[in-house]
Amino acid sequence: MNEDKASRYHRLKRQASVVSLAWTLVLLAGLLWTGASLSLRNVAERAASGLRGPDAWQATLTVVVYVALLSALTEAGSLPLAVYSDFLLERRYGLSNERLGGWLVDQAKSFGIGLLLGCGGAAILYALIRYSPEHWWLPAGAVFALVIIGLANVAPVLLLPLFYRVKPLDSESLRTRLLSLAERAGARVLGAYEWGLSDKTKKANAALAGLGATRRILVSDTMLAEYSDEEIEVVLAHELAHHVHGDIWKGILFESVLILAGFYLGARVLGGLAGNFFLRGVADIAGFPLLLLAAGGVSLVMLPLAHALSRGFERNADRFALALTRNPAAFISAMRRLSAQNLAEEHPSMVVQWLFHSHPPVGERIAAAQSFKM
């Protein structure tokens, strides 16, 4: 079978993601079965032993050091895969503008942010476990739901500028057009901004980032350089639909339910298997890999459902964009441009869609626009 460039690119990306997932699973399971997690805990405890203060402080520092060590081990194995998937493949297929040094700097930033969030989240989680060994999963689910909402609010303000240039749109006519579109859609936005992707990628994108007071329109400079105002407008109309339909909040709710279910299963697994792995109890940080495997297993099993829900949201957003702009020709031309520029996989199999795709295939979206009744 002849495989086109886009299909080959996505097949290699999927293979790399599966190998990365396998590495994480093998690492976590190996730490448990070999007893290395107990040794990691002992190292963390020795590092925390010099802290003067209440026992709870030492316990929290032990958690932080353990998670930092685990994160370093995970990154050591996943970094080569990330170099292959996110740097080498992007350059091989003509999608990247970034040099290796810049890419590594971004990787270090991502690792630092992830480490900060991971250590903070684990510290809160194990404080709740120590406080309520039986029922910790319920308040933990509520706390992490609030964290998700908080991150969605601050991401465009605090996190996005760490990786990309963001500035107000230079084109006054386009800015006015997009803000008027948002007003017609019933979505309040802070403003319209140019999103500097060209330093890193040749791909084009547009988004509506943030929630409430931080919600803002983002249009990549790669899109501004090649797309007509009508095409940008219809792409943005699609993004506006997700906010008008409440898809962001639906996604947050779905993710929060998954986290709660994962914590519940993690509580049951920790309670039932703590002795099998020589843990001191459910609050022993050496059991963290077991908790991650149980909670992550829930998300992994539910991933096809999450993708199916997302594809439904995307279809509804396409219909909203067409109804709002009344411009199927611009929608079709924008989809074709995006497909070519971003190297989209046009005809994935049903299994691939089920397991990996959060958006309907481009061909399906174009066909729906062609049959749209004005």
Protein backbone atom coordinates (compact mmCIF):
# COMPACT_ATOMS: atom_id res chain seq x y z
CA MET A 1 0.00 0.00 0.00
CA ASN A 2 1.32 3.43 -0.95
CA GLU A 3 1.40 5.72 2.08
CA ASP A 4 1.19 9.46 1.60
CA LYS A 5 3.45 11.91 3.40
CA ALA A 6 0.86 13.00 5.99
CA SER A 7 -0.15 9.42 6.85
CA ARG A 8 3.49 8.41 7.27
CA TYR A 9 4.19 11.43 9.48
CA HIS A 10 1.25 10.71 11.77
CA ARG A 11 2.00 6.97 11.89
CA LEU A 12 5.53 7.71 13.11
CA LYS A 13 4.21 10.26 15.64
CA ARG A 14 1.72 7.72 16.97
CA GLN A 15 4.40 5.06 17.27
CA ALA A 16 6.58 7.44 19.25
CA SER A 17 3.71 8.33 21.59
CA VAL A 18 2.94 4.65 22.21
CA VAL A 19 6.62 3.93 22.98
CA SER A 20 6.71 6.93 25.34
CA LEU A 21 3.61 5.66 27.15
CA ALA A 22 5.14 2.17 27.35
CA TRP A 23 8.32 3.63 28.85
CA THR A 24 6.34 5.40 31.57
CA LEU A 25 4.35 2.25 32.39
CA VAL A 26 7.47 0.09 32.51
CA LEU A 27 9.26 2.61 34.72
CA LEU A 28 6.39 2.88 37.23
CA ALA A 29 5.79 -0.87 37.32
CA GLY A 30 9.51 -1.56 37.56
CA LEU A 31 9.94 0.79 40.52
CA LEU A 32 7.21 -1.10 42.35
CA TRP A 33 8.20 -4.68 41.50
CA THR A 34 11.93 -4.23 42.11
CA GLY A 35 11.52 -2.28 45.33
CA ALA A 36 13.37 0.67 43.79
CA SER A 37 10.50 2.92 44.82
CA LEU A 38 11.27 2.11 48.46
CA SER A 39 14.90 3.09 47.87
CA LEU A 40 13.78 6.31 46.19
CA ARG A 41 11.64 7.07 49.23
CA ASN A 42 14.55 6.45 51.56
CA VAL A 43 16.71 8.89 49.58
CA ALA A 44 13.94 11.48 49.75
CA GLU A 45 13.56 10.96 53.51
CA ARG A 46 17.27 11.46 54.09
CA ALA A 47 17.16 14.66 52.05
CA ALA A 48 14.20 15.89 54.12
CA SER A 49 15.66 14.84 57.47
CA GLY A 50 17.62 18.07 57.81
CA LEU A 51 14.46 20.16 57.85
CA ARG A 52 13.60 21.40 61.31
CA GLY A 53 9.94 21.73 62.11
CA PRO A 54 6.77 19.67 62.45
CA ASP A 55 6.70 16.12 61.12
CA ALA A 56 4.17 17.23 58.50
CA TRP A 57 6.80 19.54 56.98
CA GLN A 58 9.30 16.70 56.71
CA ALA A 59 6.63 14.44 55.21
CA THR A 60 5.78 17.11 52.62
CA LEU A 61 9.42 17.68 51.71
CA THR A 62 9.87 13.92 51.35
CA VAL A 63 6.98 13.89 48.87
CA VAL A 64 8.47 16.81 46.92
CA VAL A 65 11.94 15.26 46.71
CA TYR A 66 10.52 11.87 45.72
CA VAL A 67 8.40 13.40 42.94
CA ALA A 68 11.37 15.44 41.71
CA LEU A 69 13.53 12.28 41.53
CA LEU A 70 10.75 10.34 39.78
CA SER A 71 10.24 13.19 37.32
CA ALA A 72 13.95 13.22 36.52
CA LEU A 73 13.92 9.46 35.85
CA THR A 74 10.85 9.78 33.63
CA GLU A 75 12.38 12.67 31.70
CA ALA A 76 15.66 10.82 31.21
CA GLY A 77 13.86 8.04 29.35
CA SER A 78 11.32 10.17 27.51
CA LEU A 79 13.67 12.94 26.31
CA PRO A 80 15.25 10.90 23.49
CA LEU A 81 11.76 9.98 22.28
CA ALA A 82 10.71 13.63 22.50
CA VAL A 83 13.76 14.68 20.45
CA TYR A 84 12.78 12.15 17.79
CA SER A 85 9.03 12.89 17.77
CA ASP A 86 8.85 16.60 18.49
CA PHE A 87 12.08 17.83 16.91
CA LEU A 88 13.54 15.44 14.33
CA LEU A 89 10.24 14.35 12.78
CA GLU A 90 9.00 17.93 12.64
CA ARG A 91 12.15 18.97 10.78
CA ARG A 92 12.15 15.91 8.53
CA TYR A 93 8.63 16.69 7.34
CA GLY A 94 9.26 20.40 6.91
CA LEU A 95 7.09 21.59 9.80
CA SER A 96 9.68 23.08 12.16
CA ASN A 97 11.57 26.37 12.10
CA GLU A 98 13.23 25.73 15.46
CA ARG A 99 16.88 24.94 16.13
CA LEU A 100 17.81 22.22 18.58
CA GLY A 101 19.05 24.72 21.19
CA GLY A 102 15.77 26.62 21.21
CA TRP A 103 13.80 23.39 21.31
CA LEU A 104 15.80 22.17 24.32
CA VAL A 105 15.20 25.48 26.11
CA ASP A 106 11.44 25.05 25.59
CA GLN A 107 11.72 21.46 26.78
CA ALA A 108 13.49 22.65 29.94
CA LYS A 109 10.75 25.22 30.53
CA SER A 110 8.06 22.57 30.11
CA PHE A 111 9.88 20.24 32.47
CA GLY A 112 10.24 23.02 35.06
CA ILE A 113 6.57 23.95 34.90
CA GLY A 114 5.55 20.29 35.03
CA LEU A 115 7.88 19.68 37.98
CA LEU A 116 6.47 22.64 39.88
CA LEU A 117 2.89 21.54 39.27
CA GLY A 118 3.68 17.89 39.93
CA CYS A 119 5.44 18.53 43.22
CA GLY A 120 2.74 20.93 44.38
CA GLY A 121 -0.05 18.57 43.36
CA ALA A 122 1.58 15.58 45.03
CA ALA A 123 2.20 17.57 48.23
CA ILE A 124 -1.49 18.49 48.42
CA LEU A 125 -2.55 14.95 47.53
CA TYR A 126 -0.47 13.27 50.22
CA ALA A 127 -1.44 15.86 52.82
CA LEU A 128 -5.06 14.85 52.16
CA ILE A 129 -4.14 11.15 52.31
CA ARG A 130 -2.46 11.62 55.69
CA TYR A 131 -5.46 13.60 56.94
CA SER A 132 -8.09 11.12 55.72
CA PRO A 133 -6.59 7.76 54.64
CA GLU A 134 -10.02 6.34 53.71
CA HIS A 135 -11.79 9.24 52.03
CA TRP A 136 -8.98 11.42 50.68
CA TRP A 137 -10.01 10.81 47.07
CA LEU A 138 -13.15 12.96 47.38
CA PRO A 139 -11.57 16.26 48.53
CA ALA A 140 -8.58 15.55 46.25
CA GLY A 141 -10.92 15.37 43.26
CA ALA A 142 -12.49 18.70 44.22
CA VAL A 143 -9.10 20.39 44.72
CA PHE A 144 -7.73 19.18 41.39
CA ALA A 145 -10.89 20.31 39.58
CA LEU A 146 -10.28 23.81 40.93
CA VAL A 147 -6.64 23.58 39.82
CA ILE A 148 -7.77 22.74 36.26
CA ILE A 149 -10.06 25.78 36.22
CA GLY A 150 -7.29 27.98 37.60
CA LEU A 151 -4.79 26.81 34.99
CA ALA A 152 -7.30 27.42 32.19
CA ASN A 153 -7.62 30.99 33.46
CA VAL A 154 -3.94 31.84 33.88
CA ALA A 155 -2.46 29.89 30.96
CA PRO A 156 -2.85 32.66 28.34
CA VAL A 157 -1.57 35.28 30.78
CA LEU A 158 1.31 33.51 32.53
CA LEU A 159 2.25 30.38 30.58
CA LEU A 160 1.77 31.22 26.90
CA PRO A 161 4.23 34.17 26.93
CA LEU A 162 6.93 31.85 28.29
CA PHE A 163 6.97 30.03 24.94
CA TYR A 164 5.58 32.43 22.32
CA ARG A 165 5.55 36.08 21.36
CA VAL A 166 2.09 37.55 21.90
CA LYS A 167 1.14 41.08 20.83
CA PRO A 168 -2.02 42.94 19.77
CA LEU A 169 -3.03 42.43 16.15
CA ASP A 170 -1.48 45.02 13.86
CA SER A 171 -4.36 44.94 11.38
CA GLU A 172 -7.06 47.23 12.75
CA SER A 173 -9.60 46.02 10.19
CA LEU A 174 -9.06 42.35 11.09
CA ARG A 175 -9.07 43.13 14.81
CA THR A 176 -12.39 44.97 14.46
CA ARG A 177 -13.79 42.15 12.34
CA LEU A 178 -12.88 39.44 14.85
CA LEU A 179 -14.11 41.40 17.87
CA SER A 180 -17.39 42.05 16.04
CA LEU A 181 -17.63 38.33 15.28
CA ALA A 182 -17.15 37.51 18.96
CA GLU A 183 -19.86 40.01 19.88
CA ARG A 184 -22.27 38.47 17.35
CA ALA A 185 -21.48 35.02 18.74
CA GLY A 186 -22.16 36.18 22.30
CA ALA A 187 -18.64 35.53 23.59
CA ARG A 188 -16.98 38.29 25.61
CA VAL A 189 -13.26 38.55 24.83
CA LEU A 190 -10.43 40.69 26.19
CA GLY A 191 -8.93 41.44 22.78
CA ALA A 192 -7.38 40.02 19.60
CA TYR A 193 -3.68 39.11 19.55
CA GLU A 194 -1.00 37.87 17.18
CA TRP A 195 0.42 34.55 18.31
CA GLY A 196 4.05 34.19 17.26
CA LEU A 197 4.36 30.60 16.05
CA SER A 198 6.72 31.23 13.14
CA ASP A 199 9.87 31.11 15.30
CA LYS A 200 9.09 27.48 16.07
CA THR A 201 6.82 26.00 13.41
CA LYS A 202 5.41 26.40 9.92
CA LYS A 203 1.99 25.25 11.14
CA ALA A 204 -0.93 27.68 11.37
CA ASN A 205 -3.49 27.93 14.13
CA ALA A 206 -6.04 30.17 15.82
CA ALA A 207 -7.58 29.85 19.25
CA LEU A 208 -9.73 31.42 21.89
CA ALA A 209 -7.65 31.04 25.05
CA GLY A 210 -8.60 31.59 28.67
CA LEU A 211 -11.83 31.77 30.63
CA GLY A 212 -13.90 34.77 31.65
CA ALA A 213 -11.72 37.84 32.17
CA THR A 214 -8.65 36.22 30.55
CA ARG A 215 -10.39 35.02 27.36
CA ARG A 216 -8.63 36.37 24.29
CA ILE A 217 -8.48 35.76 20.54
CA LEU A 218 -5.18 34.36 19.26
CA VAL A 219 -4.27 34.18 15.57
CA SER A 220 -0.87 32.78 14.62
CA ASP A 221 1.46 34.91 12.53
CA THR A 222 1.75 31.93 10.18
CA MET A 223 -2.00 32.20 9.55
CA LEU A 224 -1.96 35.98 9.24
CA ALA A 225 0.71 35.72 6.53
CA GLU A 226 -1.16 33.31 4.25
CA TYR A 227 -4.93 33.37 4.94
CA SER A 228 -7.58 35.84 3.87
CA ASP A 229 -9.58 37.75 6.46
CA GLU A 230 -12.64 35.67 5.53
CA GLU A 231 -10.75 32.42 6.16
CA ILE A 232 -9.42 33.66 9.49
CA GLU A 233 -12.90 34.80 10.46
CA VAL A 234 -14.50 31.41 9.82
CA VAL A 235 -11.70 29.57 11.66
CA LEU A 236 -12.18 31.89 14.62
CA ALA A 237 -15.95 31.39 14.46
CA HIS A 238 -15.30 27.70 15.01
CA GLU A 239 -13.20 28.48 18.08
CA LEU A 240 -15.85 30.85 19.42
CA ALA A 241 -18.40 28.05 19.16
CA HIS A 242 -16.58 26.01 21.80
CA HIS A 243 -17.06 28.83 24.31
CA VAL A 244 -20.63 29.61 23.25
CA HIS A 245 -21.58 25.93 23.54
CA GLY A 246 -19.82 25.54 26.89
CA ASP A 247 -17.47 22.90 25.47
CA ILE A 248 -14.60 24.18 27.62
CA TRP A 249 -16.62 23.70 30.80
CA LYS A 250 -17.92 20.34 29.57
CA GLY A 251 -14.34 19.27 29.00
CA ILE A 252 -13.30 20.46 32.44
CA LEU A 253 -16.24 18.57 33.98
CA PHE A 254 -15.38 15.39 32.08
CA GLU A 255 -11.72 15.65 33.08
CA SER A 256 -12.68 16.31 36.69
CA VAL A 257 -14.89 13.21 36.74
CA LEU A 258 -12.02 11.16 35.34
CA ILE A 259 -9.67 12.50 38.00
CA LEU A 260 -12.18 11.73 40.74
CA ALA A 261 -12.71 8.20 39.38
CA GLY A 262 -8.95 7.74 39.09
CA PHE A 263 -8.40 8.86 42.67
CA TYR A 264 -11.18 6.56 43.87
CA LEU A 265 -9.62 3.59 42.09
CA GLY A 266 -6.20 4.66 43.36
CA ALA A 267 -7.51 4.71 46.93
CA ARG A 268 -8.91 1.20 46.56
CA VAL A 269 -5.74 -0.14 44.94
CA LEU A 270 -3.45 1.48 47.52
CA GLY A 271 -5.58 0.16 50.37
CA GLY A 272 -5.63 -3.33 48.93
CA LEU A 273 -2.06 -3.70 47.70
CA ALA A 274 0.04 -1.59 50.07
CA GLY A 275 1.26 -4.68 51.91
CA ASN A 276 2.19 -6.48 48.69
CA PHE A 277 4.79 -3.82 47.93
CA PHE A 278 6.00 -3.43 51.55
CA LEU A 279 4.54 0.06 51.90
CA ARG A 280 4.13 1.52 55.37
CA GLY A 281 0.56 2.42 54.54
CA VAL A 282 -1.49 4.32 51.97
CA ALA A 283 0.32 7.57 52.83
CA ASP A 284 3.74 6.11 51.98
CA ILE A 285 5.07 8.09 49.01
CA ALA A 286 6.76 4.89 47.77
CA GLY A 287 3.28 3.88 46.63
CA PHE A 288 3.03 6.89 44.31
CA PRO A 289 3.78 4.81 41.17
CA LEU A 290 0.90 2.49 42.13
CA LEU A 291 -1.40 5.46 42.51
CA LEU A 292 -0.30 6.88 39.15
CA LEU A 293 -0.86 3.54 37.41
CA ALA A 294 -4.35 3.16 38.87
CA ALA A 295 -5.47 6.74 38.27
CA GLY A 296 -3.80 6.94 34.85
CA GLY A 297 -5.42 3.65 33.87
CA VAL A 298 -8.85 5.23 34.20
CA SER A 299 -7.92 8.08 31.86
CA LEU A 300 -6.31 5.68 29.39
CA VAL A 301 -9.36 3.41 29.25
CA MET A 302 -11.67 6.39 28.81
CA LEU A 303 -9.55 8.04 26.12
CA PRO A 304 -11.66 6.73 23.19
CA LEU A 305 -14.77 8.20 24.82
CA ALA A 306 -12.97 11.50 25.38
CA HIS A 307 -11.98 11.59 21.70
CA ALA A 308 -15.54 10.73 20.62
CA LEU A 309 -16.96 13.56 22.74
CA SER A 310 -14.36 15.95 21.34
CA ARG A 311 -15.18 14.99 17.74
CA GLY A 312 -18.83 15.69 18.50
CA PHE A 313 -17.92 19.12 19.87
CA GLU A 314 -15.87 19.83 16.74
CA ARG A 315 -18.72 18.92 14.38
CA ASN A 316 -21.09 21.17 16.28
CA ALA A 317 -18.53 23.97 16.22
CA ASP A 318 -18.17 23.62 12.44
CA ARG A 319 -21.94 23.95 12.01
CA PHE A 320 -21.98 26.99 14.29
CA ALA A 321 -19.17 28.64 12.32
CA LEU A 322 -20.96 28.06 9.03
CA ALA A 323 -24.24 29.40 10.39
CA LEU A 324 -22.58 32.47 11.94
CA THR A 325 -20.43 33.47 8.95
CA ARG A 326 -22.65 32.13 6.12
CA ASN A 327 -19.43 31.54 4.23
CA PRO A 328 -18.90 27.83 3.46
CA ALA A 329 -16.48 28.70 0.64
CA ALA A 330 -14.10 30.39 3.10
CA PHE A 331 -14.48 27.47 5.53
CA ILE A 332 -13.62 24.93 2.83
CA SER A 333 -10.61 26.87 1.57
CA ALA A 334 -9.38 27.39 5.15
CA MET A 335 -9.69 23.66 5.91
CA ARG A 336 -7.79 22.77 2.76
CA ARG A 337 -5.04 25.27 3.58
CA LEU A 338 -4.77 24.05 7.18
CA SER A 339 -4.72 20.43 6.05
CA ALA A 340 -1.84 21.06 3.67
CA GLN A 341 0.11 23.43 5.92
CA ASN A 342 -0.25 21.34 9.10
CA LEU A 343 0.13 18.01 7.28
CA ALA A 344 -3.23 16.71 8.49
CA GLU A 345 -4.11 13.04 8.05
CA GLU A 346 -7.04 13.17 5.65
CA HIS A 347 -8.22 9.54 5.67
CA PRO A 348 -7.41 7.86 9.00
CA SER A 349 -8.93 4.47 9.70
CA MET A 350 -11.81 4.18 12.14
CA VAL A 351 -9.51 2.52 14.68
CA VAL A 352 -7.01 5.38 14.43
CA GLN A 353 -9.80 7.92 14.82
CA TRP A 354 -11.18 6.04 17.82
CA LEU A 355 -7.83 5.83 19.60
CA PHE A 356 -6.01 9.01 18.58
CA HIS A 357 -8.15 11.68 16.90
CA SER A 358 -9.91 14.46 18.78
CA HIS A 359 -11.10 16.05 15.49
CA PRO A 360 -13.08 14.58 12.58
CA PRO A 361 -11.07 13.95 9.39
CA VAL A 362 -10.64 17.00 7.17
CA GLY A 363 -12.48 15.31 4.30
CA GLU A 364 -15.55 14.80 6.48
CA ARG A 365 -15.50 18.43 7.62
CA ILE A 366 -15.20 19.73 4.05
CA ALA A 367 -18.03 17.45 2.86
CA ALA A 368 -20.26 18.76 5.66
CA ALA A 369 -19.50 22.36 4.61
CA GLN A 370 -20.22 21.55 0.96
CA SER A 371 -23.67 20.25 1.93
CA PHE A 372 -24.39 23.19 4.24
CA LYS A 373 -27.67 24.93 3.39
CA MET A 374 -27.44 28.72 3.41
